[in-house]
Amino acid sequence: MSLSRILGGSLHREPTAQLLHDAAMDRIVRELLATVPVSEVEEKGALIAARNSQNPGILSDEIAAKPALLDLEPAISVIAERAQEMTGASGSAIGLRWNDEVVCSARAGRTAPDLGVRLQVNSGLSGQCVSTGQVLRCDDAEKHPQADRISCRRLGVRSILVAPLHHFRKTLGIFEVLSSEPYAFNDLAVANLQLLTGFMVAAISRAAGPSRARN
């Protein structure tokens, strides 16, 4: 069975939706589905229960506040690598919430921040992405008013595409792809990142699922 997809969302407050259907995308979708784990939720050796029996599809406040504590391998690394490949980026990063901070929890490529780095979500493009819940694109970090030029120069980044990780009304983190070239990302890159954010949220939901089932 073919795995066609319709992607919706917004970019700079402009609605976007398109149908993507091809053999290569079907293969990528199937590979990603195979990597999404069903795992235990742990924090310092203790199981964290996501207690919401009446709404099993909604993550608990505890999990939504700390999705970085979940065991998301191998899905999170595979999704970060796919993002780099599918968007033509020189780097990609997935940042997950840990209380009030967002921590780089997966990365790929030479221009991505290091694992464990606290990502800036109180200002700049990442902050605007979190506060508005919209996909944002920066075509040239040297000219964009919201870009952190110091960090971009340190990483060698000129283009940025960043999307929020949302589960219902809860912000779980951000997903960004980066390029050393200006004007690197087009509408197809936006659509691909939107697809992969969906897989990332699915991975978080499934990782939290076994603990919900036990309660």
C-alpha atoms as a PDB file:
ATOM      1  CA  MET A   1       0.000   0.000   0.000  1.00  0.00           C
ATOM      2  CA  SER A   2       1.280   3.411  -0.917  1.00  0.00           C
ATOM      3  CA  LEU A   3       1.904   5.910   1.868  1.00  0.00           C
ATOM      4  CA  SER A   4       0.801   9.219   0.384  1.00  0.00           C
ATOM      5  CA  ARG A   5       0.814  12.183   2.730  1.00  0.00           C
ATOM      6  CA  ILE A   6      -0.816  15.552   3.023  1.00  0.00           C
ATOM      7  CA  LEU A   7       1.107  18.112   5.027  1.00  0.00           C
ATOM      8  CA  GLY A   8      -0.392  21.222   6.536  1.00  0.00           C
ATOM      9  CA  GLY A   9       0.904  23.965   8.763  1.00  0.00           C
ATOM     10  CA  SER A  10       2.157  27.469   8.351  1.00  0.00           C
ATOM     11  CA  LEU A  11       5.261  29.344   7.358  1.00  0.00           C
ATOM     12  CA  HIS A  12       5.497  33.015   8.269  1.00  0.00           C
ATOM     13  CA  ARG A  13       1.709  32.893   8.863  1.00  0.00           C
ATOM     14  CA  GLU A  14       1.090  31.666   5.307  1.00  0.00           C
ATOM     15  CA  PRO A  15      -0.858  28.360   5.148  1.00  0.00           C
ATOM     16  CA  THR A  16       0.882  25.481   3.429  1.00  0.00           C
ATOM     17  CA  ALA A  17      -0.514  22.124   2.341  1.00  0.00           C
ATOM     18  CA  GLN A  18       0.559  19.745  -0.351  1.00  0.00           C
ATOM     19  CA  LEU A  19       0.280  16.106  -1.368  1.00  0.00           C
ATOM     20  CA  LEU A  20       3.547  14.230  -1.646  1.00  0.00           C
ATOM     21  CA  HIS A  21       3.580  10.726  -3.077  1.00  0.00           C
ATOM     22  CA  ASP A  22       6.558   8.839  -4.476  1.00  0.00           C
ATOM     23  CA  ALA A  23       8.346   5.531  -4.017  1.00  0.00           C
ATOM     24  CA  ALA A  24      11.361   7.037  -2.260  1.00  0.00           C
ATOM     25  CA  MET A  25       9.163   8.806   0.283  1.00  0.00           C
ATOM     26  CA  ASP A  26       7.160   5.641   0.881  1.00  0.00           C
ATOM     27  CA  ARG A  27      10.410   3.802   1.663  1.00  0.00           C
ATOM     28  CA  ILE A  28      11.574   6.521   4.062  1.00  0.00           C
ATOM     29  CA  VAL A  29       8.211   6.528   5.846  1.00  0.00           C
ATOM     30  CA  ARG A  30       8.305   2.753   6.305  1.00  0.00           C
ATOM     31  CA  GLU A  31      11.894   2.856   7.575  1.00  0.00           C
ATOM     32  CA  LEU A  32      11.035   5.580  10.078  1.00  0.00           C
ATOM     33  CA  LEU A  33       7.962   3.723  11.306  1.00  0.00           C
ATOM     34  CA  ALA A  34      10.151   0.694  11.994  1.00  0.00           C
ATOM     35  CA  THR A  35      12.481   2.744  14.202  1.00  0.00           C
ATOM     36  CA  VAL A  36       9.851   4.339  16.465  1.00  0.00           C
ATOM     37  CA  PRO A  37      10.403   2.523  19.778  1.00  0.00           C
ATOM     38  CA  VAL A  38       8.070   1.291  22.449  1.00  0.00           C
ATOM     39  CA  SER A  39      10.217   1.737  25.548  1.00  0.00           C
ATOM     40  CA  GLU A  40      10.236   2.245  29.324  1.00  0.00           C
ATOM     41  CA  VAL A  41      10.119   5.794  30.696  1.00  0.00           C
ATOM     42  CA  GLU A  42      12.977   6.272  33.136  1.00  0.00           C
ATOM     43  CA  GLU A  43      14.525   9.047  35.209  1.00  0.00           C
ATOM     44  CA  LYS A  44      17.496   8.067  37.386  1.00  0.00           C
ATOM     45  CA  GLY A  45      16.376   4.458  37.363  1.00  0.00           C
ATOM     46  CA  ALA A  46      12.785   5.201  38.459  1.00  0.00           C
ATOM     47  CA  LEU A  47       9.775   4.743  36.200  1.00  0.00           C
ATOM     48  CA  ILE A  48       7.841   7.964  35.512  1.00  0.00           C
ATOM     49  CA  ALA A  49       4.156   7.211  35.056  1.00  0.00           C
ATOM     50  CA  ALA A  50       2.119   9.178  32.556  1.00  0.00           C
ATOM     51  CA  ARG A  51      -1.223   9.084  34.356  1.00  0.00           C
ATOM     52  CA  ASN A  52      -4.117  10.018  32.125  1.00  0.00           C
ATOM     53  CA  SER A  53      -6.430   7.038  31.822  1.00  0.00           C
ATOM     54  CA  GLN A  54      -9.366   9.044  30.508  1.00  0.00           C
ATOM     55  CA  ASN A  55      -7.324  10.578  27.662  1.00  0.00           C
ATOM     56  CA  PRO A  56      -4.678   7.997  26.721  1.00  0.00           C
ATOM     57  CA  GLY A  57      -3.730   9.928  23.599  1.00  0.00           C
ATOM     58  CA  ILE A  58      -2.620  12.981  25.587  1.00  0.00           C
ATOM     59  CA  LEU A  59       0.795  13.049  27.225  1.00  0.00           C
ATOM     60  CA  SER A  60       0.820  13.716  30.944  1.00  0.00           C
ATOM     61  CA  ASP A  61       2.041  17.081  32.165  1.00  0.00           C
ATOM     62  CA  GLU A  62       5.044  15.297  33.661  1.00  0.00           C
ATOM     63  CA  ILE A  63       6.140  13.792  30.345  1.00  0.00           C
ATOM     64  CA  ALA A  64       5.355  16.959  28.398  1.00  0.00           C
ATOM     65  CA  ALA A  65       7.558  18.928  30.787  1.00  0.00           C
ATOM     66  CA  LYS A  66      10.481  16.511  30.424  1.00  0.00           C
ATOM     67  CA  PRO A  67      10.374  14.623  27.113  1.00  0.00           C
ATOM     68  CA  ALA A  68      14.190  14.718  27.162  1.00  0.00           C
ATOM     69  CA  LEU A  69      14.125  12.002  29.834  1.00  0.00           C
ATOM     70  CA  LEU A  70      12.512   9.453  27.496  1.00  0.00           C
ATOM     71  CA  ASP A  71      14.448   6.648  25.871  1.00  0.00           C
ATOM     72  CA  LEU A  72      13.841   7.540  22.222  1.00  0.00           C
ATOM     73  CA  GLU A  73      16.626   5.639  20.528  1.00  0.00           C
ATOM     74  CA  PRO A  74      17.020   4.640  17.781  1.00  0.00           C
ATOM     75  CA  ALA A  75      14.187   6.751  16.408  1.00  0.00           C
ATOM     76  CA  ILE A  76      15.498  10.161  17.434  1.00  0.00           C
ATOM     77  CA  SER A  77      18.921   9.668  15.840  1.00  0.00           C
ATOM     78  CA  VAL A  78      17.414   8.232  12.661  1.00  0.00           C
ATOM     79  CA  ILE A  79      14.968  11.118  12.366  1.00  0.00           C
ATOM     80  CA  ALA A  80      17.744  13.691  12.831  1.00  0.00           C
ATOM     81  CA  GLU A  81      19.803  12.008  10.102  1.00  0.00           C
ATOM     82  CA  ARG A  82      16.801  11.821   7.772  1.00  0.00           C
ATOM     83  CA  ALA A  83      16.128  15.516   8.295  1.00  0.00           C
ATOM     84  CA  GLN A  84      19.622  16.368   7.156  1.00  0.00           C
ATOM     85  CA  GLU A  85      19.317  14.146   4.089  1.00  0.00           C
ATOM     86  CA  MET A  86      15.790  15.125   3.072  1.00  0.00           C
ATOM     87  CA  THR A  87      16.312  18.878   3.348  1.00  0.00           C
ATOM     88  CA  GLY A  88      19.869  19.031   1.986  1.00  0.00           C
ATOM     89  CA  ALA A  89      21.054  20.565   5.249  1.00  0.00           C
ATOM     90  CA  SER A  90      24.593  20.563   6.581  1.00  0.00           C
ATOM     91  CA  GLY A  91      23.242  19.902  10.064  1.00  0.00           C
ATOM     92  CA  SER A  92      20.104  19.076  12.027  1.00  0.00           C
ATOM     93  CA  ALA A  93      19.167  19.146  15.701  1.00  0.00           C
ATOM     94  CA  ILE A  94      16.261  17.981  17.837  1.00  0.00           C
ATOM     95  CA  GLY A  95      15.824  19.891  21.077  1.00  0.00           C
ATOM     96  CA  LEU A  96      13.543  18.436  23.768  1.00  0.00           C
ATOM     97  CA  ARG A  97      12.164  20.145  26.850  1.00  0.00           C
ATOM     98  CA  TRP A  98      13.613  19.623  30.288  1.00  0.00           C
ATOM     99  CA  ASN A  99      11.377  21.796  32.449  1.00  0.00           C
ATOM    100  CA  ASP A 100      12.046  25.365  31.298  1.00  0.00           C
ATOM    101  CA  GLU A 101      15.030  24.466  29.122  1.00  0.00           C
ATOM    102  CA  VAL A 102      15.328  22.821  25.725  1.00  0.00           C
ATOM    103  CA  VAL A 103      18.240  20.404  25.418  1.00  0.00           C
ATOM    104  CA  CYS A 104      19.844  19.235  22.180  1.00  0.00           C
ATOM    105  CA  SER A 105      18.942  15.540  22.336  1.00  0.00           C
ATOM    106  CA  ALA A 106      19.898  14.431  18.824  1.00  0.00           C
ATOM    107  CA  ARG A 107      22.071  15.892  16.100  1.00  0.00           C
ATOM    108  CA  ALA A 108      23.508  15.165  12.679  1.00  0.00           C
ATOM    109  CA  GLY A 109      26.004  16.996  10.505  1.00  0.00           C
ATOM    110  CA  ARG A 110      28.864  19.404  11.009  1.00  0.00           C
ATOM    111  CA  THR A 111      26.852  22.582  11.652  1.00  0.00           C
ATOM    112  CA  ALA A 112      24.612  21.140  14.371  1.00  0.00           C
ATOM    113  CA  PRO A 113      25.027  22.090  18.045  1.00  0.00           C
ATOM    114  CA  ASP A 114      26.557  19.522  20.393  1.00  0.00           C
ATOM    115  CA  LEU A 115      24.474  17.015  22.309  1.00  0.00           C
ATOM    116  CA  GLY A 116      23.452  18.292  25.728  1.00  0.00           C
ATOM    117  CA  VAL A 117      23.716  21.956  24.755  1.00  0.00           C
ATOM    118  CA  ARG A 118      20.890  24.133  26.081  1.00  0.00           C
ATOM    119  CA  LEU A 119      19.192  25.721  23.087  1.00  0.00           C
ATOM    120  CA  GLN A 120      18.111  29.340  23.277  1.00  0.00           C
ATOM    121  CA  VAL A 121      14.311  29.405  23.265  1.00  0.00           C
ATOM    122  CA  ASN A 122      13.707  32.675  25.076  1.00  0.00           C
ATOM    123  CA  SER A 123      14.686  34.798  22.108  1.00  0.00           C
ATOM    124  CA  GLY A 124      15.701  34.612  18.473  1.00  0.00           C
ATOM    125  CA  LEU A 125      14.222  32.293  15.865  1.00  0.00           C
ATOM    126  CA  SER A 126      13.870  29.351  18.242  1.00  0.00           C
ATOM    127  CA  GLY A 127      12.066  31.492  20.787  1.00  0.00           C
ATOM    128  CA  GLN A 128       9.725  32.883  18.145  1.00  0.00           C
ATOM    129  CA  CYS A 129       9.058  29.352  16.879  1.00  0.00           C
ATOM    130  CA  VAL A 130       8.111  28.172  20.384  1.00  0.00           C
ATOM    131  CA  SER A 131       5.962  31.199  21.186  1.00  0.00           C
ATOM    132  CA  THR A 132       4.063  31.260  17.878  1.00  0.00           C
ATOM    133  CA  GLY A 133       3.950  27.524  17.174  1.00  0.00           C
ATOM    134  CA  GLN A 134       4.927  28.218  13.561  1.00  0.00           C
ATOM    135  CA  VAL A 135       7.578  26.938  11.203  1.00  0.00           C
ATOM    136  CA  LEU A 136      10.144  29.685  10.628  1.00  0.00           C
ATOM    137  CA  ARG A 137      12.708  30.031   7.885  1.00  0.00           C
ATOM    138  CA  CYS A 138      15.789  32.223   7.885  1.00  0.00           C
ATOM    139  CA  ASP A 139      17.360  32.560   4.441  1.00  0.00           C
ATOM    140  CA  ASP A 140      20.450  34.444   5.615  1.00  0.00           C
ATOM    141  CA  ALA A 141      21.524  34.576   9.247  1.00  0.00           C
ATOM    142  CA  GLU A 142      23.720  37.580   8.515  1.00  0.00           C
ATOM    143  CA  LYS A 143      20.667  39.660   7.615  1.00  0.00           C
ATOM    144  CA  HIS A 144      17.763  38.207   9.595  1.00  0.00           C
ATOM    145  CA  PRO A 145      16.881  40.381  12.615  1.00  0.00           C
ATOM    146  CA  GLN A 146      15.980  37.377  14.806  1.00  0.00           C
ATOM    147  CA  ALA A 147      19.083  35.302  14.048  1.00  0.00           C
ATOM    148  CA  ASP A 148      21.783  34.895  16.684  1.00  0.00           C
ATOM    149  CA  ARG A 149      24.706  35.962  14.510  1.00  0.00           C
ATOM    150  CA  ILE A 150      27.368  35.028  17.053  1.00  0.00           C
ATOM    151  CA  SER A 151      26.123  31.444  17.399  1.00  0.00           C
ATOM    152  CA  CYS A 152      25.529  31.136  13.662  1.00  0.00           C
ATOM    153  CA  ARG A 153      29.043  32.291  12.838  1.00  0.00           C
ATOM    154  CA  ARG A 154      30.496  29.897  15.406  1.00  0.00           C
ATOM    155  CA  LEU A 155      28.646  26.953  13.851  1.00  0.00           C
ATOM    156  CA  GLY A 156      29.122  28.165  10.281  1.00  0.00           C
ATOM    157  CA  VAL A 157      25.363  28.535   9.694  1.00  0.00           C
ATOM    158  CA  ARG A 158      23.740  30.831   7.132  1.00  0.00           C
ATOM    159  CA  SER A 159      20.263  29.278   6.665  1.00  0.00           C
ATOM    160  CA  ILE A 160      17.899  27.977   9.348  1.00  0.00           C
ATOM    161  CA  LEU A 161      14.587  26.165   9.241  1.00  0.00           C
ATOM    162  CA  VAL A 162      12.967  25.507  12.624  1.00  0.00           C
ATOM    163  CA  ALA A 163       9.680  23.810  13.539  1.00  0.00           C
ATOM    164  CA  PRO A 164       7.941  23.314  16.891  1.00  0.00           C
ATOM    165  CA  LEU A 165       7.264  19.854  18.300  1.00  0.00           C
ATOM    166  CA  HIS A 166       3.643  20.048  19.428  1.00  0.00           C
ATOM    167  CA  HIS A 167       1.422  17.429  21.034  1.00  0.00           C
ATOM    168  CA  PHE A 168      -2.046  18.936  21.275  1.00  0.00           C
ATOM    169  CA  ARG A 169      -1.316  22.224  23.104  1.00  0.00           C
ATOM    170  CA  LYS A 170       1.914  21.098  24.712  1.00  0.00           C
ATOM    171  CA  THR A 171       5.269  22.222  23.304  1.00  0.00           C
ATOM    172  CA  LEU A 172       7.714  19.332  23.555  1.00  0.00           C
ATOM    173  CA  GLY A 173      10.679  21.021  21.903  1.00  0.00           C
ATOM    174  CA  ILE A 174      11.966  22.172  18.533  1.00  0.00           C
ATOM    175  CA  PHE A 175      13.323  20.566  15.378  1.00  0.00           C
ATOM    176  CA  GLU A 176      15.745  22.550  13.247  1.00  0.00           C
ATOM    177  CA  VAL A 177      17.839  22.058  10.144  1.00  0.00           C
ATOM    178  CA  LEU A 178      20.826  24.242   9.358  1.00  0.00           C
ATOM    179  CA  SER A 179      22.885  25.012   6.297  1.00  0.00           C
ATOM    180  CA  SER A 180      26.222  26.678   5.696  1.00  0.00           C
ATOM    181  CA  GLU A 181      24.759  28.224   2.522  1.00  0.00           C
ATOM    182  CA  PRO A 182      22.285  31.132   2.353  1.00  0.00           C
ATOM    183  CA  TYR A 183      18.838  30.516   0.835  1.00  0.00           C
ATOM    184  CA  ALA A 184      19.289  26.769   1.262  1.00  0.00           C
ATOM    185  CA  PHE A 185      15.725  25.720   2.122  1.00  0.00           C
ATOM    186  CA  ASN A 186      12.705  25.729  -0.183  1.00  0.00           C
ATOM    187  CA  ASP A 187       9.045  24.773   0.274  1.00  0.00           C
ATOM    188  CA  LEU A 188       9.838  21.076  -0.162  1.00  0.00           C
ATOM    189  CA  ALA A 189      12.321  21.287   2.714  1.00  0.00           C
ATOM    190  CA  VAL A 190       9.566  22.864   4.818  1.00  0.00           C
ATOM    191  CA  ALA A 191       7.184  20.023   3.954  1.00  0.00           C
ATOM    192  CA  ASN A 192       9.793  17.381   4.743  1.00  0.00           C
ATOM    193  CA  LEU A 193      10.573  18.945   8.107  1.00  0.00           C
ATOM    194  CA  GLN A 194       6.858  19.033   8.907  1.00  0.00           C
ATOM    195  CA  LEU A 195       6.631  15.330   8.110  1.00  0.00           C
ATOM    196  CA  LEU A 196       9.561  14.507  10.365  1.00  0.00           C
ATOM    197  CA  THR A 197       8.241  16.574  13.268  1.00  0.00           C
ATOM    198  CA  GLY A 198       5.196  14.308  13.116  1.00  0.00           C
ATOM    199  CA  PHE A 199       7.413  11.244  13.462  1.00  0.00           C
ATOM    200  CA  MET A 200       9.248  12.855  16.354  1.00  0.00           C
ATOM    201  CA  VAL A 201       6.007  13.509  18.227  1.00  0.00           C
ATOM    202  CA  ALA A 202       4.895   9.942  17.452  1.00  0.00           C
ATOM    203  CA  ALA A 203       8.146   8.624  18.923  1.00  0.00           C
ATOM    204  CA  ILE A 204       7.580  10.606  22.131  1.00  0.00           C
ATOM    205  CA  SER A 205       3.973   9.420  22.391  1.00  0.00           C
ATOM    206  CA  ARG A 206       4.894   5.783  21.900  1.00  0.00           C
ATOM    207  CA  ALA A 207       7.821   5.953  24.318  1.00  0.00           C
ATOM    208  CA  ALA A 208       5.460   7.281  26.974  1.00  0.00           C
ATOM    209  CA  GLY A 209       2.761   4.756  26.098  1.00  0.00           C
ATOM    210  CA  PRO A 210       3.833   1.657  28.094  1.00  0.00           C
ATOM    211  CA  SER A 211       3.771   3.588  31.370  1.00  0.00           C
ATOM    212  CA  ARG A 212       0.248   4.810  30.629  1.00  0.00           C
ATOM    213  CA  ALA A 213      -0.852   1.251  29.964  1.00  0.00           C
ATOM    214  CA  ARG A 214       0.373   0.136  33.404  1.00  0.00           C
ATOM    215  CA  ASN A 215      -1.779   2.697  35.245  1.00  0.00           C
END
